[in-house]
Amino acid sequence: MRRTILSAGLAVSLLAPFAAPAYAIPACVEGQRKVEEASALRYQARQEARLGRHDRVCDTLDEIGDRYHDAQGAFEDCGADIASIDLRSELRNLRVAKHVNRCD
């Protein structure tokens, strides 16, 4: 009997860290979706710049920033801090793109 209790306690202590992130998975999926939307918008911004539509480029870059901020929040909610940190570099690149396109 004592061995069964110890085995059950060991199993619970080993599985507990994996049970907590189960509720966070939808937030991670939401974050990934926002990153994909931002990627599509980046393509759109490049096309707008190629066509010379400066005002549209700036609006699209603002939308990209919104998507990255949403994704960063979703990744922080699901515990994927590494992805959140990686998005900081994307946000820096976005600031550079805004500066190059004179959107500030």
N, C-alpha and C. Protein backbone atom coordinates (compact mmCIF):
# COMPACT_ATOMS: atom_id res chain seq x y z
N MET A 1 0.83 -1.19 0.00
CA MET A 1 0.00 0.00 0.00
C MET A 1 0.87 1.26 0.00
N ARG A 2 1.88 1.24 0.83
CA ARG A 2 2.76 2.40 0.93
C ARG A 2 3.47 2.65 -0.40
N ARG A 3 3.86 1.59 -1.06
CA ARG A 3 4.54 1.72 -2.35
C ARG A 3 3.62 2.32 -3.41
N THR A 4 2.35 1.99 -3.37
CA THR A 4 1.38 2.51 -4.32
C THR A 4 1.20 4.02 -4.13
N ILE A 5 1.15 4.45 -2.87
CA ILE A 5 0.99 5.88 -2.58
C ILE A 5 2.21 6.65 -3.06
N LEU A 6 3.40 6.09 -2.82
CA LEU A 6 4.63 6.75 -3.28
C LEU A 6 4.68 6.80 -4.80
N SER A 7 4.24 5.73 -5.46
CA SER A 7 4.24 5.72 -6.92
C SER A 7 3.26 6.75 -7.47
N ALA A 8 2.10 6.85 -6.85
CA ALA A 8 1.11 7.83 -7.30
C ALA A 8 1.62 9.25 -7.07
N GLY A 9 2.26 9.47 -5.91
CA GLY A 9 2.81 10.79 -5.62
C GLY A 9 3.91 11.16 -6.60
N LEU A 10 4.74 10.21 -6.95
CA LEU A 10 5.81 10.44 -7.91
C LEU A 10 5.23 10.76 -9.29
N ALA A 11 4.21 10.02 -9.68
CA ALA A 11 3.59 10.25 -10.98
C ALA A 11 2.97 11.64 -11.05
N VAL A 12 2.29 12.05 -9.98
CA VAL A 12 1.67 13.38 -9.95
C VAL A 12 2.73 14.47 -10.02
N SER A 13 3.82 14.30 -9.27
CA SER A 13 4.86 15.32 -9.27
C SER A 13 5.59 15.41 -10.62
N LEU A 14 5.66 14.29 -11.34
CA LEU A 14 6.30 14.32 -12.65
C LEU A 14 5.39 14.88 -13.74
N LEU A 15 4.10 14.69 -13.61
CA LEU A 15 3.17 15.13 -14.64
C LEU A 15 2.63 16.54 -14.40
N ALA A 16 2.76 17.06 -13.21
CA ALA A 16 2.22 18.38 -12.88
C ALA A 16 2.75 19.50 -13.78
N PRO A 17 4.06 19.54 -14.09
CA PRO A 17 4.53 20.62 -14.96
C PRO A 17 3.93 20.57 -16.36
N PHE A 18 3.53 19.39 -16.81
CA PHE A 18 2.96 19.28 -18.15
C PHE A 18 1.47 19.59 -18.18
N ALA A 19 0.81 19.48 -17.06
CA ALA A 19 -0.62 19.75 -17.01
C ALA A 19 -0.91 21.25 -17.04
N ALA A 20 -0.05 22.05 -16.45
CA ALA A 20 -0.28 23.49 -16.37
C ALA A 20 -0.31 24.16 -17.75
N PRO A 21 0.62 23.85 -18.68
CA PRO A 21 0.59 24.54 -19.96
C PRO A 21 -0.55 24.11 -20.89
N ALA A 22 -1.31 23.09 -20.51
CA ALA A 22 -2.38 22.61 -21.40
C ALA A 22 -3.41 23.69 -21.67
N TYR A 23 -3.71 24.51 -20.68
CA TYR A 23 -4.69 25.58 -20.88
C TYR A 23 -4.13 26.71 -21.73
N ALA A 24 -2.83 26.78 -21.85
CA ALA A 24 -2.19 27.91 -22.54
C ALA A 24 -2.04 27.66 -24.04
N ILE A 25 -2.31 26.47 -24.50
CA ILE A 25 -2.10 26.15 -25.91
C ILE A 25 -2.90 27.06 -26.84
N PRO A 26 -4.17 27.38 -26.57
CA PRO A 26 -4.87 28.29 -27.49
C PRO A 26 -4.19 29.65 -27.62
N ALA A 27 -3.59 30.14 -26.55
CA ALA A 27 -2.89 31.43 -26.63
C ALA A 27 -1.67 31.31 -27.54
N CYS A 28 -0.99 30.17 -27.51
CA CYS A 28 0.17 29.98 -28.38
C CYS A 28 -0.26 29.92 -29.84
N VAL A 29 -1.38 29.27 -30.10
CA VAL A 29 -1.89 29.19 -31.46
C VAL A 29 -2.29 30.59 -31.94
N GLU A 30 -2.90 31.36 -31.05
CA GLU A 30 -3.28 32.73 -31.39
C GLU A 30 -2.05 33.57 -31.71
N GLY A 31 -0.99 33.40 -30.93
CA GLY A 31 0.25 34.12 -31.20
C GLY A 31 0.85 33.76 -32.54
N GLN A 32 0.85 32.48 -32.86
CA GLN A 32 1.38 32.04 -34.14
C GLN A 32 0.55 32.60 -35.30
N ARG A 33 -0.75 32.65 -35.12
CA ARG A 33 -1.63 33.21 -36.16
C ARG A 33 -1.34 34.69 -36.38
N LYS A 34 -1.08 35.41 -35.30
CA LYS A 34 -0.78 36.85 -35.42
C LYS A 34 0.55 37.07 -36.14
N VAL A 35 1.53 36.20 -35.88
CA VAL A 35 2.82 36.31 -36.56
C VAL A 35 2.65 36.05 -38.05
N GLU A 36 1.83 35.07 -38.39
CA GLU A 36 1.58 34.78 -39.81
C GLU A 36 0.86 35.95 -40.49
N GLU A 37 -0.09 36.57 -39.79
CA GLU A 37 -0.76 37.74 -40.35
C GLU A 37 0.24 38.87 -40.58
N ALA A 38 1.14 39.07 -39.63
CA ALA A 38 2.15 40.12 -39.77
C ALA A 38 3.06 39.84 -40.96
N SER A 39 3.37 38.58 -41.18
CA SER A 39 4.22 38.21 -42.32
C SER A 39 3.51 38.54 -43.63
N ALA A 40 2.22 38.23 -43.70
CA ALA A 40 1.47 38.56 -44.92
C ALA A 40 1.39 40.07 -45.12
N LEU A 41 1.24 40.80 -44.03
CA LEU A 41 1.18 42.26 -44.13
C LEU A 41 2.54 42.84 -44.54
N ARG A 42 3.63 42.21 -44.13
CA ARG A 42 4.95 42.67 -44.56
C ARG A 42 5.09 42.56 -46.08
N TYR A 43 4.59 41.44 -46.61
CA TYR A 43 4.61 41.27 -48.06
C TYR A 43 3.79 42.36 -48.72
N GLN A 44 2.63 42.63 -48.16
CA GLN A 44 1.76 43.67 -48.71
C GLN A 44 2.45 45.03 -48.66
N ALA A 45 3.15 45.33 -47.57
CA ALA A 45 3.86 46.61 -47.44
C ALA A 45 4.96 46.73 -48.50
N ARG A 46 5.67 45.64 -48.75
CA ARG A 46 6.70 45.67 -49.79
C ARG A 46 6.10 45.95 -51.16
N GLN A 47 4.95 45.35 -51.43
CA GLN A 47 4.29 45.58 -52.72
C GLN A 47 3.80 47.02 -52.83
N GLU A 48 3.26 47.54 -51.75
CA GLU A 48 2.81 48.93 -51.75
C GLU A 48 3.98 49.89 -51.98
N ALA A 49 5.11 49.59 -51.35
CA ALA A 49 6.30 50.43 -51.53
C ALA A 49 6.79 50.36 -52.98
N ARG A 50 6.74 49.18 -53.54
CA ARG A 50 7.17 49.01 -54.93
C ARG A 50 6.30 49.82 -55.87
N LEU A 51 5.00 49.91 -55.54
CA LEU A 51 4.08 50.66 -56.39
C LEU A 51 4.07 52.15 -56.08
N GLY A 52 4.80 52.57 -55.04
CA GLY A 52 4.92 53.98 -54.71
C GLY A 52 3.77 54.53 -53.88
N ARG A 53 3.04 53.69 -53.21
CA ARG A 53 1.92 54.14 -52.38
C ARG A 53 2.39 54.35 -50.94
N HIS A 54 3.02 55.50 -50.73
CA HIS A 54 3.67 55.78 -49.45
C HIS A 54 2.69 55.77 -48.27
N ASP A 55 1.52 56.36 -48.44
CA ASP A 55 0.57 56.42 -47.34
C ASP A 55 0.08 55.02 -46.95
N ARG A 56 -0.11 54.17 -47.94
CA ARG A 56 -0.53 52.79 -47.66
C ARG A 56 0.58 52.00 -46.96
N VAL A 57 1.83 52.28 -47.33
CA VAL A 57 2.95 51.58 -46.69
C VAL A 57 2.95 51.89 -45.19
N CYS A 58 2.79 53.14 -44.84
CA CYS A 58 2.81 53.52 -43.43
C CYS A 58 1.64 52.91 -42.66
N ASP A 59 0.46 52.90 -43.28
CA ASP A 59 -0.70 52.27 -42.62
C ASP A 59 -0.47 50.78 -42.41
N THR A 60 0.10 50.12 -43.42
CA THR A 60 0.35 48.68 -43.31
C THR A 60 1.42 48.39 -42.26
N LEU A 61 2.45 49.23 -42.19
CA LEU A 61 3.48 49.04 -41.16
C LEU A 61 2.89 49.21 -39.76
N ASP A 62 1.95 50.13 -39.61
CA ASP A 62 1.27 50.27 -38.32
C ASP A 62 0.47 49.01 -37.97
N GLU A 63 -0.20 48.44 -38.96
CA GLU A 63 -0.94 47.20 -38.74
C GLU A 63 -0.01 46.06 -38.35
N ILE A 64 1.15 46.01 -38.98
CA ILE A 64 2.13 44.97 -38.65
C ILE A 64 2.56 45.10 -37.19
N GLY A 65 2.80 46.31 -36.75
CA GLY A 65 3.17 46.54 -35.36
C GLY A 65 2.08 46.08 -34.40
N ASP A 66 0.83 46.35 -34.76
CA ASP A 66 -0.28 45.88 -33.93
C ASP A 66 -0.29 44.36 -33.83
N ARG A 67 -0.08 43.69 -34.96
CA ARG A 67 -0.08 42.22 -34.96
C ARG A 67 1.06 41.68 -34.11
N TYR A 68 2.25 42.30 -34.22
CA TYR A 68 3.38 41.83 -33.42
C TYR A 68 3.13 42.04 -31.93
N HIS A 69 2.52 43.15 -31.56
CA HIS A 69 2.22 43.37 -30.15
C HIS A 69 1.19 42.37 -29.64
N ASP A 70 0.19 42.07 -30.46
CA ASP A 70 -0.80 41.06 -30.08
C ASP A 70 -0.15 39.69 -29.91
N ALA A 71 0.73 39.34 -30.84
CA ALA A 71 1.42 38.06 -30.79
C ALA A 71 2.33 37.98 -29.56
N GLN A 72 3.00 39.08 -29.27
CA GLN A 72 3.89 39.10 -28.11
C GLN A 72 3.09 38.86 -26.84
N GLY A 73 1.95 39.49 -26.70
CA GLY A 73 1.10 39.27 -25.54
C GLY A 73 0.59 37.84 -25.46
N ALA A 74 0.21 37.27 -26.59
CA ALA A 74 -0.27 35.88 -26.60
C ALA A 74 0.83 34.91 -26.22
N PHE A 75 2.04 35.14 -26.73
CA PHE A 75 3.14 34.25 -26.38
C PHE A 75 3.52 34.38 -24.91
N GLU A 76 3.44 35.56 -24.36
CA GLU A 76 3.71 35.74 -22.94
C GLU A 76 2.65 35.04 -22.10
N ASP A 77 1.39 35.06 -22.56
CA ASP A 77 0.31 34.38 -21.84
C ASP A 77 0.49 32.87 -21.83
N CYS A 78 1.04 32.32 -22.90
CA CYS A 78 1.18 30.86 -22.95
C CYS A 78 2.53 30.39 -22.43
N GLY A 79 3.36 31.31 -22.00
CA GLY A 79 4.63 30.91 -21.39
C GLY A 79 5.77 30.74 -22.38
N ALA A 80 5.59 31.15 -23.60
CA ALA A 80 6.65 31.04 -24.61
C ALA A 80 7.43 32.34 -24.65
N ASP A 81 8.17 32.60 -23.59
CA ASP A 81 8.90 33.87 -23.48
C ASP A 81 9.98 34.02 -24.54
N ILE A 82 10.54 32.89 -25.01
CA ILE A 82 11.57 32.96 -26.05
C ILE A 82 10.99 33.56 -27.32
N ALA A 83 9.79 33.13 -27.69
CA ALA A 83 9.14 33.69 -28.89
C ALA A 83 8.83 35.16 -28.68
N SER A 84 8.46 35.51 -27.47
CA SER A 84 8.17 36.91 -27.16
C SER A 84 9.42 37.76 -27.30
N ILE A 85 10.55 37.25 -26.86
CA ILE A 85 11.82 37.97 -26.99
C ILE A 85 12.20 38.10 -28.46
N ASP A 86 11.97 37.06 -29.24
CA ASP A 86 12.29 37.10 -30.66
C ASP A 86 11.45 38.17 -31.37
N LEU A 87 10.23 38.37 -30.91
CA LEU A 87 9.38 39.39 -31.52
C LEU A 87 9.91 40.80 -31.25
N ARG A 88 10.66 40.97 -30.20
CA ARG A 88 11.26 42.29 -29.94
C ARG A 88 12.19 42.69 -31.06
N SER A 89 12.95 41.72 -31.58
CA SER A 89 13.85 42.04 -32.70
C SER A 89 13.04 42.37 -33.95
N GLU A 90 11.92 41.70 -34.14
CA GLU A 90 11.05 42.03 -35.28
C GLU A 90 10.48 43.44 -35.14
N LEU A 91 10.13 43.81 -33.92
CA LEU A 91 9.62 45.16 -33.68
C LEU A 91 10.70 46.21 -33.94
N ARG A 92 11.95 45.89 -33.60
CA ARG A 92 13.06 46.80 -33.91
C ARG A 92 13.20 46.96 -35.42
N ASN A 93 13.12 45.84 -36.15
CA ASN A 93 13.21 45.90 -37.61
C ASN A 93 12.05 46.71 -38.19
N LEU A 94 10.90 46.62 -37.57
CA LEU A 94 9.74 47.39 -38.01
C LEU A 94 9.97 48.89 -37.82
N ARG A 95 10.58 49.25 -36.69
CA ARG A 95 10.90 50.67 -36.46
C ARG A 95 11.86 51.19 -37.53
N VAL A 96 12.83 50.36 -37.91
CA VAL A 96 13.77 50.75 -38.96
C VAL A 96 13.03 50.94 -40.28
N ALA A 97 12.11 50.01 -40.60
CA ALA A 97 11.35 50.12 -41.84
C ALA A 97 10.49 51.39 -41.84
N LYS A 98 9.92 51.74 -40.69
CA LYS A 98 9.14 52.98 -40.60
C LYS A 98 10.02 54.19 -40.82
N HIS A 99 11.23 54.15 -40.27
CA HIS A 99 12.16 55.27 -40.43
C HIS A 99 12.58 55.41 -41.90
N VAL A 100 12.87 54.29 -42.56
CA VAL A 100 13.30 54.31 -43.95
C VAL A 100 12.18 54.86 -44.84
N ASN A 101 10.95 54.48 -44.52
CA ASN A 101 9.80 54.94 -45.32
C ASN A 101 9.25 56.28 -44.84
N ARG A 102 9.93 56.89 -43.90
CA ARG A 102 9.55 58.20 -43.33
C ARG A 102 8.12 58.20 -42.81
N CYS A 103 7.80 57.20 -42.00
CA CYS A 103 6.45 57.07 -41.44
C CYS A 103 6.35 57.68 -40.04
N ASP A 104 7.43 58.08 -39.48
CA ASP A 104 7.39 58.60 -38.10
C ASP A 104 6.86 60.00 -38.02
